[in-house]
Structure formats: C-alpha cells, structure tokens
C-alpha atoms as a PDB file:
ATOM      1  CA  LEU A   1     -36.852  59.256  20.154  1.00  0.00           C
ATOM      2  CA  LYS A   2     -33.216  59.154  21.159  1.00  0.00           C
ATOM      3  CA  ILE A   3     -33.900  56.087  23.273  1.00  0.00           C
ATOM      4  CA  LEU A   4     -35.558  54.381  20.354  1.00  0.00           C
ATOM      5  CA  GLU A   5     -32.616  55.229  18.110  1.00  0.00           C
ATOM      6  CA  GLU A   6     -30.253  53.789  20.688  1.00  0.00           C
ATOM      7  CA  LYS A   7     -32.362  50.674  21.040  1.00  0.00           C
ATOM      8  CA  LYS A   8     -32.497  50.314  17.230  1.00  0.00           C
ATOM      9  CA  LYS A   9     -28.716  50.848  17.114  1.00  0.00           C
ATOM     10  CA  ARG A  10     -28.239  48.225  19.828  1.00  0.00           C
ATOM     11  CA  VAL A  11     -30.553  45.792  17.998  1.00  0.00           C
ATOM     12  CA  ASP A  12     -28.636  46.387  14.775  1.00  0.00           C
ATOM     13  CA  GLU A  13     -25.332  45.743  16.605  1.00  0.00           C
ATOM     14  CA  LEU A  14     -26.760  42.504  18.071  1.00  0.00           C
ATOM     15  CA  VAL A  15     -28.051  41.390  14.653  1.00  0.00           C
ATOM     16  CA  ALA A  16     -24.668  42.194  13.088  1.00  0.00           C
ATOM     17  CA  ALA A  17     -22.833  40.347  15.876  1.00  0.00           C
ATOM     18  CA  GLU A  18     -25.131  37.313  15.451  1.00  0.00           C
ATOM     19  CA  LYS A  19     -24.596  37.381  11.703  1.00  0.00           C
ATOM     20  CA  GLU A  20     -20.816  37.580  12.215  1.00  0.00           C
ATOM     21  CA  ARG A  21     -20.972  34.704  14.720  1.00  0.00           C
ATOM     22  CA  LYS A  22     -22.942  32.554  12.239  1.00  0.00           C
ATOM     23  CA  ASP A  23     -20.520  33.426   9.420  1.00  0.00           C
ATOM     24  CA  LEU A  24     -17.585  32.499  11.680  1.00  0.00           C
ATOM     25  CA  GLU A  25     -19.240  29.182  12.619  1.00  0.00           C
ATOM     26  CA  LYS A  26     -19.912  28.461   8.966  1.00  0.00           C
ATOM     27  CA  ARG A  27     -16.280  29.188   8.034  1.00  0.00           C
ATOM     28  CA  GLU A  28     -15.055  26.984  10.880  1.00  0.00           C
ATOM     29  CA  GLN A  29     -17.354  24.151   9.778  1.00  0.00           C
ATOM     30  CA  GLU A  30     -16.109  24.472   6.189  1.00  0.00           C
ATOM     31  CA  GLN A  31     -12.480  24.448   7.401  1.00  0.00           C
ATOM     32  CA  GLN A  32     -13.202  21.393   9.580  1.00  0.00           C
ATOM     33  CA  LYS A  33     -14.837  19.638   6.608  1.00  0.00           C
ATOM     34  CA  GLN A  34     -11.791  20.501   4.479  1.00  0.00           C
ATOM     35  CA  ARG A  35      -9.375  19.175   7.138  1.00  0.00           C
ATOM     36  CA  GLN A  36     -11.457  15.991   7.458  1.00  0.00           C
ATOM     37  CA  LYS A  37     -11.490  15.550   3.694  1.00  0.00           C
ATOM     38  CA  GLU A  38      -7.699  16.007   3.541  1.00  0.00           C
ATOM     39  CA  LYS A  39      -7.277  13.557   6.424  1.00  0.00           C
ATOM     40  CA  GLU A  40      -9.392  10.965   4.631  1.00  0.00           C
ATOM     41  CA  GLU A  41      -7.500  11.514   1.378  1.00  0.00           C
ATOM     42  CA  LYS A  42      -4.173  11.074   3.177  1.00  0.00           C
ATOM     43  CA  ALA A  43      -5.474   7.865   4.841  1.00  0.00           C
ATOM     44  CA  ALA A  44      -6.643   6.546   1.471  1.00  0.00           C
ATOM     45  CA  GLU A  45      -3.243   7.310  -0.055  1.00  0.00           C
ATOM     46  CA  GLU A  46      -1.557   5.512   2.847  1.00  0.00           C
ATOM     47  CA  ARG A  47      -3.814   2.466   2.394  1.00  0.00           C
ATOM     48  CA  ALA A  48      -3.062   2.430  -1.331  1.00  0.00           C
ATOM     49  CA  ARG A  49       0.689   2.710  -0.653  1.00  0.00           C
ATOM     50  CA  LYS A  50       0.586  -0.158   1.851  1.00  0.00           C
ATOM     51  CA  ALA A  51      -1.471  -2.281  -0.536  1.00  0.00           C
ATOM     52  CA  ALA A  52       1.091  -1.639  -3.290  1.00  0.00           C
ATOM     53  CA  GLU A  53       3.895  -2.645  -0.930  1.00  0.00           C
ATOM     54  CA  VAL A  54       2.111  -5.863  -0.023  1.00  0.00           C
ATOM     55  CA  LYS A  55       1.439  -6.634  -3.686  1.00  0.00           C
ATOM     56  CA  ALA A  56       5.116  -6.044  -4.515  1.00  0.00           C
ATOM     57  CA  ARG A  57       6.206  -8.238  -1.584  1.00  0.00           C
ATOM     58  CA  TRP A  58       3.929 -11.078  -2.761  1.00  0.00           C
ATOM     59  CA  LYS A  59       5.264 -10.688  -6.321  1.00  0.00           C
ATOM     60  CA  ARG A  60       8.889 -10.912  -5.073  1.00  0.00           C
ATOM     61  CA  MET A  61       8.034 -13.964  -2.953  1.00  0.00           C
ATOM     62  CA  ASP A  62       6.286 -15.613  -5.894  1.00  0.00           C
ATOM     63  CA  GLU A  63       9.290 -14.932  -8.145  1.00  0.00           C
ATOM     64  CA  ALA A  64      11.664 -16.311  -5.516  1.00  0.00           C
ATOM     65  CA  ARG A  65       9.497 -19.428  -5.162  1.00  0.00           C
ATOM     66  CA  THR A  66       9.457 -19.902  -8.947  1.00  0.00           C
ATOM     67  CA  GLN A  67      13.233 -19.517  -9.100  1.00  0.00           C
ATOM     68  CA  ALA A  68      13.693 -22.004  -6.240  1.00  0.00           C
ATOM     69  CA  GLU A  69      11.414 -24.517  -7.987  1.00  0.00           C
ATOM     70  CA  GLU A  70      13.412 -24.087 -11.219  1.00  0.00           C
ATOM     71  CA  ARG A  71      16.718 -24.582  -9.403  1.00  0.00           C
ATOM     72  CA  ARG A  72      15.314 -27.718  -7.712  1.00  0.00           C
ATOM     73  CA  ARG A  73      14.054 -29.082 -11.013  1.00  0.00           C
ATOM     74  CA  ILE A  74      17.425 -28.474 -12.655  1.00  0.00           C
ATOM     75  CA  GLN A  75      19.247 -30.111  -9.757  1.00  0.00           C
ATOM     76  CA  GLU A  76      16.929 -33.138  -9.918  1.00  0.00           C
ATOM     77  CA  GLU A  77      17.632 -33.428 -13.679  1.00  0.00           C
ATOM     78  CA  LYS A  78      21.416 -33.214 -13.024  1.00  0.00           C
ATOM     79  CA  ASP A  79      21.148 -35.910 -10.351  1.00  0.00           C
ATOM     80  CA  ARG A  80      19.114 -38.159 -12.638  1.00  0.00           C
ATOM     81  CA  LEU A  81      21.634 -37.763 -15.490  1.00  0.00           C
ATOM     82  CA  PHE A  82      24.525 -38.396 -13.132  1.00  0.00           C
ATOM     83  CA  GLN A  83      22.871 -41.575 -11.841  1.00  0.00           C
ATOM     84  CA  GLU A  84      22.187 -42.761 -15.376  1.00  0.00           C
ATOM     85  CA  ALA A  85      25.800 -42.087 -16.389  1.00  0.00           C
ATOM     86  CA  ASP A  86      27.063 -43.876 -13.265  1.00  0.00           C
ATOM     87  CA  ALA A  87      24.834 -46.877 -13.951  1.00  0.00           C
ATOM     88  CA  GLN A  88      26.037 -46.950 -17.573  1.00  0.00           C
ATOM     89  CA  ARG A  89      29.681 -46.771 -16.386  1.00  0.00           C
ATOM     90  CA  ARG A  90      29.126 -49.699 -14.006  1.00  0.00           C
ATOM     91  CA  GLU A  91      27.421 -51.700 -16.750  1.00  0.00           C
ATOM     92  CA  ASN A  92      30.359 -51.023 -19.109  1.00  0.00           C
ATOM     93  CA  GLU A  93      32.843 -52.044 -16.412  1.00  0.00           C
ATOM     94  CA  LYS A  94      30.945 -55.336 -15.884  1.00  0.00           C
ATOM     95  CA  LYS A  95      30.964 -56.043 -19.621  1.00  0.00           C
ATOM     96  CA  GLU A  96      34.667 -55.273 -19.876  1.00  0.00           C
ATOM     97  CA  LYS A  97      35.426 -57.548 -16.877  1.00  0.00           C
ATOM     98  CA  LEU A  98      33.379 -60.400 -18.359  1.00  0.00           C
ATOM     99  CA  GLU A  99      35.108 -59.949 -21.710  1.00  0.00           C
ATOM    100  CA  ARG A 100      38.564 -59.993 -20.016  1.00  0.00           C
ATOM    101  CA  GLU A 101      37.606 -63.106 -18.039  1.00  0.00           C
ATOM    102  CA  LYS A 102      36.311 -64.752 -21.190  1.00  0.00           C
ATOM    103  CA  ALA A 103      39.477 -63.777 -23.058  1.00  0.00           C
ATOM    104  CA  GLU A 104      41.623 -65.154 -20.213  1.00  0.00           C
ATOM    105  CA  GLU A 105      39.699 -68.456 -20.228  1.00  0.00           C
ATOM    106  CA  GLU A 106      40.152 -68.788 -23.955  1.00  0.00           C
ATOM    107  CA  ALA A 107      43.837 -68.073 -23.632  1.00  0.00           C
END
C-alpha cells in the first residue's frame, strides 16, 4: 500500500510537472506573440513615418518647382516689357532724327 501511495504521489508530481511545463510553454508563446505584435506595430509606425517624410519631401519639391516656374514667368514678362520699351525708344529716336533732318532741310 505504501508503494502504491508513493507511485501515486510520483504520478501526481509528474502530472503537476507536466502541467507546469505546459503552462510555462503557453506563457512563453503568449509573450512571443506579444513581442512579435509589438515588433510589427513598430515596423508599421516606421513605414508610416517614412511615408510621411517622403510625402513632405515631394510637397516641398513641388512647391519649389512652382516657385521657380513663377520666378521664370515673371522674369520672362520683365524681359518682354524691357524689349518692348527698348523697341519703342528706338522707334521714337528714329522719328526724332527724321523730324530733325526734315527741319534742317526746310531751314
């Protein structure tokens, strides 16, 4: 009877040890899942941050391109106006010269 009690006690200890081992494995698996989840969340946050940086960089580049186009357009308009004024000045000088020559001939 004592041997049976010891065997039962040993079986109970083995069952308890197996249960403890399974509980430990389960906890480790849950912790590993949690670490993996956190790692994936961190990676997703990093991807979102990089995407936001790229979007901001593209926006700045687009704004710079728009400003450069505007400056170029303004400069072209200035050049055109300057050329028109220069052409008008030359035309006026020609007219004045012709009028002077005509006045000199009449005199």
